[in-house]
Amino acid sequence: MPHFLPIAALVCNAFLWGLSWWPFRTLQAAGLHPLWATALMYSLVSVALLLLRPAALAALLRTPGLWLLAVCAGLTNAAFNWAVSEGDVVRVVLLFYLMPAWAVLLAWRFLGERPSPAALLRLLLAFGGVLLVLWPAQGGLQQLARALSLADALALLGGFMFAATNVQLRHLQQVSAAPRMLAMFLGCLGTGLLGALAGSSIGLVPPWPAFAWGWMGIAALLALALMAGNWALQYGAARLPTSTTALVMLSEVLFASLSSVLLAGATLAPRTLAGGALIVFAALLAARQE
C-alpha cells in the first residue's frame, strides 16, 4: 500500500483542522481573540522552523513567489480561524470548501483556462449549495443580505484565499518544503498581527488579555498541532495526485460536523444538509475530473 502513509497524513491534517474550532473558541472564552491567537501560534512555529531550518529564510527572501504565498496563506488562516470562532462550525466549513469553485474562476481569470461545461456545472452546483446554506427561513433576497454574518463573509474569503494558496503552491512545486512552510507561517503571523492591531484600534477586536498559563498552554499545544498538520499536508500532497488530495481533504467537513454535534450540541438543519451535499458533490466532481 504505497499511498497509505500520504493518505494517513492528509487525514491527520483534515482531523486537526476539523477540530481546530474547539481550542480557538476556548482561547476566545479566555479573552484571546482568534487574530491574536493566530499571531501568537504562528510566531511560535515560525521560530521553531527557523531554528530547525535556518537556511529557509534566505530562500524565502530571494523567491518573490513565496511572498505572495505568504499573503494568501495568511488571509486563509486568519479568516478561517476567526470564522470558526464566531459562527456555526458546519456552515463555516461548508462555505470554506467552495475552494474548487473559486479555483475554476481563478484559472479562468489569471491562467486563461476557459471553463468546460463540466466545470460550469460544478460552479452551479457549488453556488446553488451556498444559496441553500445561507438562505434564511423567511426567504427573499433582502432577507438573505440581512442574514449574512461576519462569520459567513470570513468563511467565503478564507475559501477564496485557500484556492489562491493552492494555485500558488502549484507554481512553487520546485521550491523545497521548508521555505514554503516558513512563508506560510510568517504570512499567518503577519496577517493575524496586523488584523488584530487594526481591529483593536477600531474596537472590533478586544485588546491583548492579561497573561495566564491556561490559555498560553492551549495556544502552545495548538501551535504544535497546526505545525504537525502543515507538515502532514506538505508530505501527503507532494506524494499523491491532486484529485486524491482533494478527495481526502473533504474529510474535514465530516470531522468538523461530527465534532460540532458531539462537543457543542449543534443541530444540522435539513437546508444546511442539502446545501452541504451540493457543495461536497461539486468538490467530488472536481476531484474526479482532475
C-alpha atoms as a PDB file:
ATOM      1  CA  MET A   1       0.000   0.000   0.000  1.00  0.00           C
ATOM      2  CA  PRO A   2       2.366   2.747  -1.224  1.00  0.00           C
ATOM      3  CA  HIS A   3      -0.191   5.529  -0.705  1.00  0.00           C
ATOM      4  CA  PHE A   4      -1.162   4.593   2.857  1.00  0.00           C
ATOM      5  CA  LEU A   5       1.191   6.983   4.665  1.00  0.00           C
ATOM      6  CA  PRO A   6       0.459  10.035   2.436  1.00  0.00           C
ATOM      7  CA  ILE A   7      -3.297   9.435   2.752  1.00  0.00           C
ATOM      8  CA  ALA A   8      -2.965   8.984   6.521  1.00  0.00           C
ATOM      9  CA  ALA A   9      -1.022  12.268   6.683  1.00  0.00           C
ATOM     10  CA  LEU A  10      -3.796  14.119   4.811  1.00  0.00           C
ATOM     11  CA  VAL A  11      -6.471  12.588   7.053  1.00  0.00           C
ATOM     12  CA  CYS A  12      -4.467  13.723  10.078  1.00  0.00           C
ATOM     13  CA  ASN A  13      -4.315  17.274   8.701  1.00  0.00           C
ATOM     14  CA  ALA A  14      -8.059  17.266   7.992  1.00  0.00           C
ATOM     15  CA  PHE A  15      -8.757  15.941  11.500  1.00  0.00           C
ATOM     16  CA  LEU A  16      -6.665  18.659  13.147  1.00  0.00           C
ATOM     17  CA  TRP A  17      -8.318  21.444  11.152  1.00  0.00           C
ATOM     18  CA  GLY A  18     -11.771  19.914  11.568  1.00  0.00           C
ATOM     19  CA  LEU A  19     -11.371  20.139  15.351  1.00  0.00           C
ATOM     20  CA  SER A  20      -9.427  23.423  15.451  1.00  0.00           C
ATOM     21  CA  TRP A  21     -12.610  25.402  16.170  1.00  0.00           C
ATOM     22  CA  TRP A  22     -12.740  23.960  19.714  1.00  0.00           C
ATOM     23  CA  PRO A  23      -9.402  25.314  21.049  1.00  0.00           C
ATOM     24  CA  PHE A  24      -9.939  28.598  19.194  1.00  0.00           C
ATOM     25  CA  ARG A  25     -13.265  29.073  20.970  1.00  0.00           C
ATOM     26  CA  THR A  26     -11.652  28.072  24.260  1.00  0.00           C
ATOM     27  CA  LEU A  27      -8.980  30.716  23.734  1.00  0.00           C
ATOM     28  CA  GLN A  28     -11.599  33.313  22.830  1.00  0.00           C
ATOM     29  CA  ALA A  29     -13.530  32.494  26.003  1.00  0.00           C
ATOM     30  CA  ALA A  30     -10.289  33.132  27.928  1.00  0.00           C
ATOM     31  CA  GLY A  31     -10.026  36.588  26.325  1.00  0.00           C
ATOM     32  CA  LEU A  32      -7.624  35.830  23.448  1.00  0.00           C
ATOM     33  CA  HIS A  33      -9.240  36.829  20.143  1.00  0.00           C
ATOM     34  CA  PRO A  34      -8.635  34.448  17.200  1.00  0.00           C
ATOM     35  CA  LEU A  35      -6.480  37.035  15.413  1.00  0.00           C
ATOM     36  CA  TRP A  36      -4.221  37.444  18.441  1.00  0.00           C
ATOM     37  CA  ALA A  37      -4.201  33.654  18.808  1.00  0.00           C
ATOM     38  CA  THR A  38      -3.204  33.243  15.150  1.00  0.00           C
ATOM     39  CA  ALA A  39      -0.332  35.699  15.534  1.00  0.00           C
ATOM     40  CA  LEU A  40       0.855  34.051  18.749  1.00  0.00           C
ATOM     41  CA  MET A  41       0.743  30.481  17.477  1.00  0.00           C
ATOM     42  CA  TYR A  42       2.450  31.200  14.189  1.00  0.00           C
ATOM     43  CA  SER A  43       5.147  33.239  15.903  1.00  0.00           C
ATOM     44  CA  LEU A  44       5.935  30.116  17.940  1.00  0.00           C
ATOM     45  CA  VAL A  45       6.012  27.775  14.931  1.00  0.00           C
ATOM     46  CA  SER A  46       7.981  30.302  12.822  1.00  0.00           C
ATOM     47  CA  VAL A  47      10.700  30.487  15.473  1.00  0.00           C
ATOM     48  CA  ALA A  48      10.739  26.690  15.760  1.00  0.00           C
ATOM     49  CA  LEU A  49      11.073  26.240  11.996  1.00  0.00           C
ATOM     50  CA  LEU A  50      13.843  28.867  11.768  1.00  0.00           C
ATOM     51  CA  LEU A  51      15.775  27.041  14.489  1.00  0.00           C
ATOM     52  CA  LEU A  52      15.389  23.745  12.627  1.00  0.00           C
ATOM     53  CA  ARG A  53      15.893  25.109   9.080  1.00  0.00           C
ATOM     54  CA  PRO A  54      17.734  28.469   9.264  1.00  0.00           C
ATOM     55  CA  ALA A  55      18.523  28.381   5.526  1.00  0.00           C
ATOM     56  CA  ALA A  56      14.793  28.641   4.755  1.00  0.00           C
ATOM     57  CA  LEU A  57      14.821  32.388   5.463  1.00  0.00           C
ATOM     58  CA  ALA A  58      17.397  33.094   2.743  1.00  0.00           C
ATOM     59  CA  ALA A  59      15.384  31.053   0.239  1.00  0.00           C
ATOM     60  CA  LEU A  60      12.253  32.986   1.208  1.00  0.00           C
ATOM     61  CA  LEU A  61      13.907  36.376   0.738  1.00  0.00           C
ATOM     62  CA  ARG A  62      15.182  35.547  -2.749  1.00  0.00           C
ATOM     63  CA  THR A  63      11.920  33.980  -4.036  1.00  0.00           C
ATOM     64  CA  PRO A  64       9.206  36.622  -4.671  1.00  0.00           C
ATOM     65  CA  GLY A  65       6.609  33.920  -5.358  1.00  0.00           C
ATOM     66  CA  LEU A  66       6.861  32.888  -1.711  1.00  0.00           C
ATOM     67  CA  TRP A  67       5.854  36.408  -0.634  1.00  0.00           C
ATOM     68  CA  LEU A  68       2.564  36.071  -2.482  1.00  0.00           C
ATOM     69  CA  LEU A  69       2.121  32.623  -0.940  1.00  0.00           C
ATOM     70  CA  ALA A  70       2.615  34.222   2.485  1.00  0.00           C
ATOM     71  CA  VAL A  71      -0.182  36.738   1.845  1.00  0.00           C
ATOM     72  CA  CYS A  72      -2.606  34.105   0.539  1.00  0.00           C
ATOM     73  CA  ALA A  73      -1.924  31.645   3.356  1.00  0.00           C
ATOM     74  CA  GLY A  74      -2.104  34.389   5.963  1.00  0.00           C
ATOM     75  CA  LEU A  75      -5.506  35.600   4.805  1.00  0.00           C
ATOM     76  CA  THR A  76      -6.750  31.996   4.590  1.00  0.00           C
ATOM     77  CA  ASN A  77      -5.827  31.175   8.165  1.00  0.00           C
ATOM     78  CA  ALA A  78      -6.842  34.459   9.755  1.00  0.00           C
ATOM     79  CA  ALA A  79     -10.256  34.392   8.064  1.00  0.00           C
ATOM     80  CA  PHE A  80     -10.923  30.726   8.843  1.00  0.00           C
ATOM     81  CA  ASN A  81      -9.794  30.932  12.476  1.00  0.00           C
ATOM     82  CA  TRP A  82     -11.929  33.995  13.116  1.00  0.00           C
ATOM     83  CA  ALA A  83     -14.939  32.494  11.323  1.00  0.00           C
ATOM     84  CA  VAL A  84     -14.996  29.176  13.227  1.00  0.00           C
ATOM     85  CA  SER A  85     -14.639  31.060  16.500  1.00  0.00           C
ATOM     86  CA  GLU A  86     -17.654  33.279  15.785  1.00  0.00           C
ATOM     87  CA  GLY A  87     -20.071  31.351  13.570  1.00  0.00           C
ATOM     88  CA  ASP A  88     -21.743  27.987  13.150  1.00  0.00           C
ATOM     89  CA  VAL A  89     -18.932  25.483  12.595  1.00  0.00           C
ATOM     90  CA  VAL A  90     -20.625  23.360   9.928  1.00  0.00           C
ATOM     91  CA  ARG A  91     -21.838  26.391   7.997  1.00  0.00           C
ATOM     92  CA  VAL A  92     -18.366  27.968   8.086  1.00  0.00           C
ATOM     93  CA  VAL A  93     -16.596  24.803   6.915  1.00  0.00           C
ATOM     94  CA  LEU A  94     -19.068  24.273   4.074  1.00  0.00           C
ATOM     95  CA  LEU A  95     -18.664  27.855   2.836  1.00  0.00           C
ATOM     96  CA  PHE A  96     -14.901  27.499   3.154  1.00  0.00           C
ATOM     97  CA  TYR A  97     -14.969  24.406   0.936  1.00  0.00           C
ATOM     98  CA  LEU A  98     -16.119  26.401  -2.070  1.00  0.00           C
ATOM     99  CA  MET A  99     -12.424  26.220  -2.939  1.00  0.00           C
ATOM    100  CA  PRO A 100     -12.871  24.073  -6.104  1.00  0.00           C
ATOM    101  CA  ALA A 101     -15.404  26.575  -7.465  1.00  0.00           C
ATOM    102  CA  TRP A 102     -13.100  29.521  -6.763  1.00  0.00           C
ATOM    103  CA  ALA A 103     -10.246  27.610  -8.427  1.00  0.00           C
ATOM    104  CA  VAL A 104     -12.233  27.437 -11.691  1.00  0.00           C
ATOM    105  CA  LEU A 105     -12.802  31.203 -11.635  1.00  0.00           C
ATOM    106  CA  LEU A 106      -9.175  31.960 -10.747  1.00  0.00           C
ATOM    107  CA  ALA A 107      -7.873  29.731 -13.535  1.00  0.00           C
ATOM    108  CA  TRP A 108     -10.271  31.436 -15.969  1.00  0.00           C
ATOM    109  CA  ARG A 109      -9.202  34.916 -14.937  1.00  0.00           C
ATOM    110  CA  PHE A 110      -5.450  34.526 -14.409  1.00  0.00           C
ATOM    111  CA  LEU A 111      -4.469  31.456 -16.424  1.00  0.00           C
ATOM    112  CA  GLY A 112      -6.788  31.928 -19.390  1.00  0.00           C
ATOM    113  CA  GLU A 113      -8.342  28.474 -18.906  1.00  0.00           C
ATOM    114  CA  ARG A 114     -11.899  28.712 -20.176  1.00  0.00           C
ATOM    115  CA  PRO A 115     -14.169  26.507 -18.048  1.00  0.00           C
ATOM    116  CA  SER A 116     -15.579  23.408 -19.685  1.00  0.00           C
ATOM    117  CA  PRO A 117     -19.307  22.577 -19.496  1.00  0.00           C
ATOM    118  CA  ALA A 118     -18.472  20.192 -16.648  1.00  0.00           C
ATOM    119  CA  ALA A 119     -16.684  22.985 -14.771  1.00  0.00           C
ATOM    120  CA  LEU A 120     -19.670  25.304 -15.243  1.00  0.00           C
ATOM    121  CA  LEU A 121     -21.940  22.571 -13.899  1.00  0.00           C
ATOM    122  CA  ARG A 122     -19.728  22.287 -10.802  1.00  0.00           C
ATOM    123  CA  LEU A 123     -19.940  26.044 -10.341  1.00  0.00           C
ATOM    124  CA  LEU A 124     -23.741  25.930 -10.484  1.00  0.00           C
ATOM    125  CA  LEU A 125     -23.868  23.036  -8.005  1.00  0.00           C
ATOM    126  CA  ALA A 126     -21.466  24.692  -5.591  1.00  0.00           C
ATOM    127  CA  PHE A 127     -23.084  28.126  -5.608  1.00  0.00           C
ATOM    128  CA  GLY A 128     -26.534  26.541  -5.502  1.00  0.00           C
ATOM    129  CA  GLY A 129     -25.400  24.768  -2.353  1.00  0.00           C
ATOM    130  CA  VAL A 130     -24.193  28.065  -0.898  1.00  0.00           C
ATOM    131  CA  LEU A 131     -27.606  29.632  -1.505  1.00  0.00           C
ATOM    132  CA  LEU A 132     -29.275  26.745   0.322  1.00  0.00           C
ATOM    133  CA  VAL A 133     -26.881  27.058   3.268  1.00  0.00           C
ATOM    134  CA  LEU A 134     -27.262  30.840   3.519  1.00  0.00           C
ATOM    135  CA  TRP A 135     -30.948  31.202   2.569  1.00  0.00           C
ATOM    136  CA  PRO A 136     -32.911  32.436   5.615  1.00  0.00           C
ATOM    137  CA  ALA A 137     -36.054  30.721   6.844  1.00  0.00           C
ATOM    138  CA  GLN A 138     -38.218  33.644   5.684  1.00  0.00           C
ATOM    139  CA  GLY A 139     -36.709  33.611   2.189  1.00  0.00           C
ATOM    140  CA  GLY A 140     -36.204  36.576  -0.131  1.00  0.00           C
ATOM    141  CA  LEU A 141     -33.080  38.320  -1.399  1.00  0.00           C
ATOM    142  CA  GLN A 142     -33.423  41.203   1.061  1.00  0.00           C
ATOM    143  CA  GLN A 143     -33.600  38.791   3.976  1.00  0.00           C
ATOM    144  CA  LEU A 144     -30.620  36.915   2.525  1.00  0.00           C
ATOM    145  CA  ALA A 145     -28.490  40.066   2.569  1.00  0.00           C
ATOM    146  CA  ARG A 146     -29.504  40.778   6.162  1.00  0.00           C
ATOM    147  CA  ALA A 147     -28.886  37.177   7.217  1.00  0.00           C
ATOM    148  CA  LEU A 148     -25.228  37.231   6.098  1.00  0.00           C
ATOM    149  CA  SER A 149     -22.969  37.396   9.135  1.00  0.00           C
ATOM    150  CA  LEU A 150     -19.342  38.342   9.669  1.00  0.00           C
ATOM    151  CA  ALA A 151     -18.521  34.632  10.018  1.00  0.00           C
ATOM    152  CA  ASP A 152     -20.141  33.903   6.623  1.00  0.00           C
ATOM    153  CA  ALA A 153     -18.102  36.622   4.919  1.00  0.00           C
ATOM    154  CA  LEU A 154     -14.900  35.431   6.585  1.00  0.00           C
ATOM    155  CA  ALA A 155     -15.577  31.822   5.553  1.00  0.00           C
ATOM    156  CA  LEU A 156     -16.117  32.847   1.918  1.00  0.00           C
ATOM    157  CA  LEU A 157     -12.958  34.983   1.980  1.00  0.00           C
ATOM    158  CA  GLY A 158     -10.984  32.150   3.573  1.00  0.00           C
ATOM    159  CA  GLY A 159     -12.142  29.649   0.957  1.00  0.00           C
ATOM    160  CA  PHE A 160     -11.240  32.014  -1.881  1.00  0.00           C
ATOM    161  CA  MET A 161      -7.775  32.625  -0.454  1.00  0.00           C
ATOM    162  CA  PHE A 162      -7.377  28.870   0.134  1.00  0.00           C
ATOM    163  CA  ALA A 163      -7.884  28.345  -3.589  1.00  0.00           C
ATOM    164  CA  ALA A 164      -5.336  31.085  -4.306  1.00  0.00           C
ATOM    165  CA  THR A 165      -2.916  29.412  -1.868  1.00  0.00           C
ATOM    166  CA  ASN A 166      -3.234  26.086  -3.690  1.00  0.00           C
ATOM    167  CA  VAL A 167      -2.693  27.767  -7.058  1.00  0.00           C
ATOM    168  CA  GLN A 168       0.436  29.434  -5.720  1.00  0.00           C
ATOM    169  CA  LEU A 169       1.720  26.185  -4.215  1.00  0.00           C
ATOM    170  CA  ARG A 170       1.410  24.547  -7.628  1.00  0.00           C
ATOM    171  CA  HIS A 171       3.558  27.348  -9.086  1.00  0.00           C
ATOM    172  CA  LEU A 172       6.186  26.727  -6.390  1.00  0.00           C
ATOM    173  CA  GLN A 173       6.499  22.958  -6.728  1.00  0.00           C
ATOM    174  CA  GLN A 174      10.254  23.230  -7.329  1.00  0.00           C
ATOM    175  CA  VAL A 175      10.823  25.100  -4.071  1.00  0.00           C
ATOM    176  CA  SER A 176      11.677  22.866  -1.116  1.00  0.00           C
ATOM    177  CA  ALA A 177       9.201  22.347   1.706  1.00  0.00           C
ATOM    178  CA  ALA A 178      10.939  24.374   4.433  1.00  0.00           C
ATOM    179  CA  PRO A 179      10.848  27.771   2.634  1.00  0.00           C
ATOM    180  CA  ARG A 180       7.221  27.156   1.620  1.00  0.00           C
ATOM    181  CA  MET A 181       6.263  26.340   5.199  1.00  0.00           C
ATOM    182  CA  LEU A 182       8.149  29.369   6.528  1.00  0.00           C
ATOM    183  CA  ALA A 183       6.396  31.645   4.047  1.00  0.00           C
ATOM    184  CA  MET A 184       3.008  30.317   5.097  1.00  0.00           C
ATOM    185  CA  PHE A 185       3.841  30.574   8.812  1.00  0.00           C
ATOM    186  CA  LEU A 186       5.173  34.141   8.554  1.00  0.00           C
ATOM    187  CA  GLY A 187       2.183  35.116   6.420  1.00  0.00           C
ATOM    188  CA  CYS A 188      -0.189  33.825   9.109  1.00  0.00           C
ATOM    189  CA  LEU A 189       1.826  35.626  11.799  1.00  0.00           C
ATOM    190  CA  GLY A 190       1.808  38.936   9.900  1.00  0.00           C
ATOM    191  CA  THR A 191      -1.838  38.796   8.864  1.00  0.00           C
ATOM    192  CA  GLY A 192      -3.007  37.831  12.338  1.00  0.00           C
ATOM    193  CA  LEU A 193      -0.946  40.572  13.992  1.00  0.00           C
ATOM    194  CA  LEU A 194      -1.893  43.330  11.541  1.00  0.00           C
ATOM    195  CA  GLY A 195      -5.557  42.298  11.645  1.00  0.00           C
ATOM    196  CA  ALA A 196      -5.580  42.250  15.452  1.00  0.00           C
ATOM    197  CA  LEU A 197      -3.900  45.665  15.700  1.00  0.00           C
ATOM    198  CA  ALA A 198      -6.247  47.195  13.125  1.00  0.00           C
ATOM    199  CA  GLY A 199      -9.331  45.631  14.693  1.00  0.00           C
ATOM    200  CA  SER A 200      -8.262  46.668  18.170  1.00  0.00           C
ATOM    201  CA  SER A 201      -7.826  50.285  17.069  1.00  0.00           C
ATOM    202  CA  ILE A 202     -11.488  50.492  15.971  1.00  0.00           C
ATOM    203  CA  GLY A 203     -12.898  48.399  18.804  1.00  0.00           C
ATOM    204  CA  LEU A 204     -13.676  45.321  16.706  1.00  0.00           C
ATOM    205  CA  VAL A 205     -11.039  43.149  18.382  1.00  0.00           C
ATOM    206  CA  PRO A 206     -10.521  43.119  22.174  1.00  0.00           C
ATOM    207  CA  PRO A 207      -7.022  44.067  23.370  1.00  0.00           C
ATOM    208  CA  TRP A 208      -4.405  41.501  24.302  1.00  0.00           C
ATOM    209  CA  PRO A 209      -5.517  39.836  27.566  1.00  0.00           C
ATOM    210  CA  ALA A 210      -3.558  39.545  30.786  1.00  0.00           C
ATOM    211  CA  PHE A 211      -1.141  36.632  30.731  1.00  0.00           C
ATOM    212  CA  ALA A 212      -2.429  33.326  32.055  1.00  0.00           C
ATOM    213  CA  TRP A 213      -0.733  29.939  31.898  1.00  0.00           C
ATOM    214  CA  GLY A 214      -4.033  28.311  30.958  1.00  0.00           C
ATOM    215  CA  TRP A 215      -4.574  29.991  27.599  1.00  0.00           C
ATOM    216  CA  MET A 216      -0.832  30.098  26.905  1.00  0.00           C
ATOM    217  CA  GLY A 217      -0.630  26.318  27.282  1.00  0.00           C
ATOM    218  CA  ILE A 218      -3.609  25.801  24.954  1.00  0.00           C
ATOM    219  CA  ALA A 219      -2.060  28.140  22.375  1.00  0.00           C
ATOM    220  CA  ALA A 220       1.286  26.310  22.533  1.00  0.00           C
ATOM    221  CA  LEU A 221      -0.363  22.901  22.074  1.00  0.00           C
ATOM    222  CA  LEU A 222      -2.485  24.200  19.208  1.00  0.00           C
ATOM    223  CA  ALA A 223       0.612  25.678  17.576  1.00  0.00           C
ATOM    224  CA  LEU A 224       2.328  22.284  17.704  1.00  0.00           C
ATOM    225  CA  ALA A 225      -0.779  20.604  16.298  1.00  0.00           C
ATOM    226  CA  LEU A 226      -1.059  23.056  13.391  1.00  0.00           C
ATOM    227  CA  MET A 227       2.644  22.752  12.627  1.00  0.00           C
ATOM    228  CA  ALA A 228       2.248  18.969  12.511  1.00  0.00           C
ATOM    229  CA  GLY A 229      -0.824  19.402  10.304  1.00  0.00           C
ATOM    230  CA  ASN A 230       1.047  21.634   7.873  1.00  0.00           C
ATOM    231  CA  TRP A 231       3.896  19.137   7.651  1.00  0.00           C
ATOM    232  CA  ALA A 232       1.375  16.331   7.082  1.00  0.00           C
ATOM    233  CA  LEU A 233      -0.272  18.333   4.283  1.00  0.00           C
ATOM    234  CA  GLN A 234       3.080  19.010   2.603  1.00  0.00           C
ATOM    235  CA  TYR A 235       4.054  15.336   2.908  1.00  0.00           C
ATOM    236  CA  GLY A 236       0.778  13.940   1.609  1.00  0.00           C
ATOM    237  CA  ALA A 237       0.081  16.449  -1.151  1.00  0.00           C
ATOM    238  CA  ALA A 238       3.583  16.052  -2.600  1.00  0.00           C
ATOM    239  CA  ARG A 239       3.137  12.275  -2.985  1.00  0.00           C
ATOM    240  CA  LEU A 240      -0.434  11.973  -4.232  1.00  0.00           C
ATOM    241  CA  PRO A 241      -2.353  13.190  -7.298  1.00  0.00           C
ATOM    242  CA  THR A 242      -4.193  16.463  -6.799  1.00  0.00           C
ATOM    243  CA  SER A 243      -7.525  14.687  -7.213  1.00  0.00           C
ATOM    244  CA  THR A 244      -6.740  12.251  -4.398  1.00  0.00           C
ATOM    245  CA  THR A 245      -5.619  15.093  -2.133  1.00  0.00           C
ATOM    246  CA  ALA A 246      -8.851  16.970  -2.766  1.00  0.00           C
ATOM    247  CA  LEU A 247     -10.948  13.907  -2.022  1.00  0.00           C
ATOM    248  CA  VAL A 248      -9.172  13.101   1.242  1.00  0.00           C
ATOM    249  CA  MET A 249      -9.250  16.726   2.432  1.00  0.00           C
ATOM    250  CA  LEU A 250     -13.045  16.724   2.182  1.00  0.00           C
ATOM    251  CA  SER A 251     -12.994  14.565   5.314  1.00  0.00           C
ATOM    252  CA  GLU A 252     -12.510  17.838   7.209  1.00  0.00           C
ATOM    253  CA  VAL A 253     -16.203  18.549   6.619  1.00  0.00           C
ATOM    254  CA  LEU A 254     -17.050  15.246   8.332  1.00  0.00           C
ATOM    255  CA  PHE A 255     -14.710  15.858  11.273  1.00  0.00           C
ATOM    256  CA  ALA A 256     -15.997  19.411  11.784  1.00  0.00           C
ATOM    257  CA  SER A 257     -19.653  18.343  11.566  1.00  0.00           C
ATOM    258  CA  LEU A 258     -19.327  15.421  13.971  1.00  0.00           C
ATOM    259  CA  SER A 259     -17.232  17.369  16.477  1.00  0.00           C
ATOM    260  CA  SER A 260     -19.636  20.322  16.496  1.00  0.00           C
ATOM    261  CA  VAL A 261     -22.570  17.965  17.149  1.00  0.00           C
ATOM    262  CA  LEU A 262     -20.762  15.981  19.860  1.00  0.00           C
ATOM    263  CA  LEU A 263     -18.878  18.806  21.589  1.00  0.00           C
ATOM    264  CA  ALA A 264     -21.114  21.830  21.046  1.00  0.00           C
ATOM    265  CA  GLY A 265     -24.550  20.229  20.675  1.00  0.00           C
ATOM    266  CA  ALA A 266     -25.002  21.683  17.184  1.00  0.00           C
ATOM    267  CA  THR A 267     -28.011  20.664  15.093  1.00  0.00           C
ATOM    268  CA  LEU A 268     -27.846  20.159  11.340  1.00  0.00           C
ATOM    269  CA  ALA A 269     -30.863  21.718   9.633  1.00  0.00           C
ATOM    270  CA  PRO A 270     -32.209  19.952   6.507  1.00  0.00           C
ATOM    271  CA  ARG A 271     -31.439  23.033   4.399  1.00  0.00           C
ATOM    272  CA  THR A 272     -27.831  23.007   5.614  1.00  0.00           C
ATOM    273  CA  LEU A 273     -27.507  19.293   4.884  1.00  0.00           C
ATOM    274  CA  ALA A 274     -28.921  19.724   1.364  1.00  0.00           C
ATOM    275  CA  GLY A 275     -26.701  22.697   0.587  1.00  0.00           C
ATOM    276  CA  GLY A 276     -23.682  20.966   2.048  1.00  0.00           C
ATOM    277  CA  ALA A 277     -24.378  17.894  -0.086  1.00  0.00           C
ATOM    278  CA  LEU A 278     -24.314  20.051  -3.239  1.00  0.00           C
ATOM    279  CA  ILE A 279     -21.054  21.769  -2.225  1.00  0.00           C
ATOM    280  CA  VAL A 280     -19.359  18.471  -1.381  1.00  0.00           C
ATOM    281  CA  PHE A 281     -20.692  16.827  -4.553  1.00  0.00           C
ATOM    282  CA  ALA A 282     -19.262  19.676  -6.652  1.00  0.00           C
ATOM    283  CA  ALA A 283     -15.896  19.185  -4.930  1.00  0.00           C
ATOM    284  CA  LEU A 284     -16.050  15.437  -5.596  1.00  0.00           C
ATOM    285  CA  LEU A 285     -16.790  16.067  -9.266  1.00  0.00           C
ATOM    286  CA  ALA A 286     -13.822  18.448  -9.447  1.00  0.00           C
ATOM    287  CA  ALA A 287     -11.535  15.808  -7.934  1.00  0.00           C
ATOM    288  CA  ARG A 288     -12.849  13.153 -10.311  1.00  0.00           C
ATOM    289  CA  GLN A 289     -12.355  15.450 -13.299  1.00  0.00           C
ATOM    290  CA  GLU A 290      -8.723  16.053 -12.341  1.00  0.00           C
END
